[in-house]
Amino acid sequence: MDAITLHALSIGRMFAASEPFKAYSDCVARLHELGFSVAPMQHHSPTAVMFGRDLRIQKYRNLSPSDKDNTHGWIEGDFRSGPVHFKLTAAGRRAVAPKEMAT
């Protein structure tokens, strides 16, 4: 992942749309393009995101405190009506950073 994309994800990315669940779907599609896996949605809870393709991630209610601390990012917001916001965590920045940026 290039430094510009990494920086944009670190400060967060907002997705908005006028159709039901469109903002959430757009966010998930973009994350998949960037090589992330996304947990299933859970009503009134954030959705966990991990760097790596085809990872199986539990819903928020099933994540342990340690799992939550090690999650690479979160999708939050109004999943039905939008907007939704994706924010990369510190663990996520370390996971996706190019080798030269990780130190």
Protein backbone atom coordinates (compact mmCIF):
# COMPACT_ATOMS: atom_id res chain seq x y z
CA MET A 1 0.00 0.00 0.00
CA ASP A 2 1.44 3.37 -0.94
CA ALA A 3 2.12 6.11 1.59
CA ILE A 4 -0.66 8.38 0.28
CA THR A 5 -3.34 5.69 0.65
CA LEU A 6 -1.99 4.76 4.08
CA HIS A 7 -2.16 8.39 5.21
CA ALA A 8 -5.73 8.78 3.90
CA LEU A 9 -6.88 5.68 5.78
CA SER A 10 -5.05 6.80 8.94
CA ILE A 11 -6.98 10.06 9.14
CA GLY A 12 -10.22 8.28 8.19
CA ARG A 13 -12.46 8.08 5.18
CA MET A 14 -16.13 9.07 5.04
CA PHE A 15 -18.58 7.39 2.66
CA ALA A 16 -22.03 8.88 1.95
CA ALA A 17 -24.87 7.80 -0.35
CA SER A 18 -28.58 8.32 -0.87
CA GLU A 19 -29.65 4.66 -1.26
CA PRO A 20 -30.10 2.30 1.71
CA PHE A 21 -26.83 0.59 2.68
CA LYS A 22 -25.01 2.16 -0.31
CA ALA A 23 -22.46 4.06 1.80
CA TYR A 24 -21.66 0.90 3.76
CA SER A 25 -21.41 -1.17 0.56
CA ASP A 26 -19.12 1.40 -1.07
CA CYS A 27 -16.87 1.41 2.00
CA VAL A 28 -16.65 -2.40 2.10
CA ALA A 29 -15.96 -2.59 -1.64
CA ARG A 30 -13.11 -0.06 -1.35
CA LEU A 31 -11.61 -1.92 1.61
CA HIS A 32 -11.73 -5.21 -0.32
CA GLU A 33 -9.92 -3.49 -3.23
CA LEU A 34 -7.18 -2.46 -0.79
CA GLY A 35 -6.77 -6.01 0.56
CA PHE A 36 -8.83 -5.83 3.76
CA SER A 37 -11.36 -8.31 5.15
CA VAL A 38 -14.53 -7.02 6.83
CA ALA A 39 -16.55 -8.64 9.64
CA PRO A 40 -20.31 -9.12 9.32
CA MET A 41 -22.49 -6.17 10.32
CA GLN A 42 -24.07 -6.02 13.76
CA HIS A 43 -26.88 -3.60 14.62
CA HIS A 44 -25.69 -0.53 16.61
CA SER A 45 -22.07 -1.71 16.73
CA PRO A 46 -18.90 -0.94 14.76
CA THR A 47 -17.66 -3.43 12.18
CA ALA A 48 -14.14 -4.81 12.56
CA VAL A 49 -11.68 -4.69 9.65
CA MET A 50 -8.42 -6.64 9.28
CA PHE A 51 -5.68 -6.35 6.66
CA GLY A 52 -5.52 -9.56 4.62
CA ARG A 53 -7.77 -11.20 2.10
CA ASP A 54 -10.46 -13.75 2.98
CA LEU A 55 -10.03 -13.56 6.76
CA ARG A 56 -12.98 -14.66 8.87
CA ILE A 57 -13.71 -11.99 11.47
CA GLN A 58 -16.36 -12.31 14.16
CA LYS A 59 -19.15 -9.82 14.76
CA TYR A 60 -18.41 -7.13 17.34
CA ARG A 61 -20.26 -8.90 20.17
CA ASN A 62 -18.07 -11.99 19.75
CA LEU A 63 -14.72 -10.18 19.78
CA SER A 64 -12.67 -10.40 22.97
CA PRO A 65 -11.07 -7.26 24.42
CA SER A 66 -7.75 -8.46 22.98
CA ASP A 67 -9.33 -8.96 19.55
CA LYS A 68 -10.73 -5.43 19.69
CA ASP A 69 -7.33 -4.00 20.63
CA ASN A 70 -5.65 -5.79 17.71
CA THR A 71 -8.25 -4.95 15.06
CA HIS A 72 -6.76 -3.04 12.13
CA GLY A 73 -9.71 -0.72 11.63
CA TRP A 74 -13.37 0.03 12.29
CA ILE A 75 -16.36 0.98 10.18
CA GLU A 76 -18.82 3.12 12.14
CA GLY A 77 -21.86 5.21 11.38
CA ASP A 78 -25.40 4.73 10.11
CA PHE A 79 -25.04 1.63 7.96
CA ARG A 80 -28.55 1.94 6.52
CA SER A 81 -28.73 5.65 5.68
CA GLY A 82 -25.08 6.75 5.76
CA PRO A 83 -22.70 8.26 6.22
CA VAL A 84 -20.23 5.66 7.41
CA HIS A 85 -16.65 6.31 8.47
CA PHE A 86 -13.63 4.01 8.23
CA LYS A 87 -10.68 4.61 10.54
CA LEU A 88 -7.43 2.67 10.57
CA THR A 89 -6.12 1.87 14.08
CA ALA A 90 -2.49 1.97 15.25
CA ALA A 91 -2.33 -1.82 14.84
CA GLY A 92 -3.68 -1.39 11.33
CA ARG A 93 -1.09 1.25 10.43
CA ARG A 94 1.66 -1.14 11.52
CA ALA A 95 0.10 -4.02 9.56
CA VAL A 96 -0.22 -2.19 6.25
CA ALA A 97 2.78 0.13 6.37
CA PRO A 98 5.48 -0.49 3.80
CA LYS A 99 8.61 -1.90 5.42
CA GLU A 100 10.45 1.41 5.22
CA MET A 101 7.59 3.22 7.02
CA ALA A 102 7.07 0.60 9.74
CA THR A 103 10.22 1.49 11.69
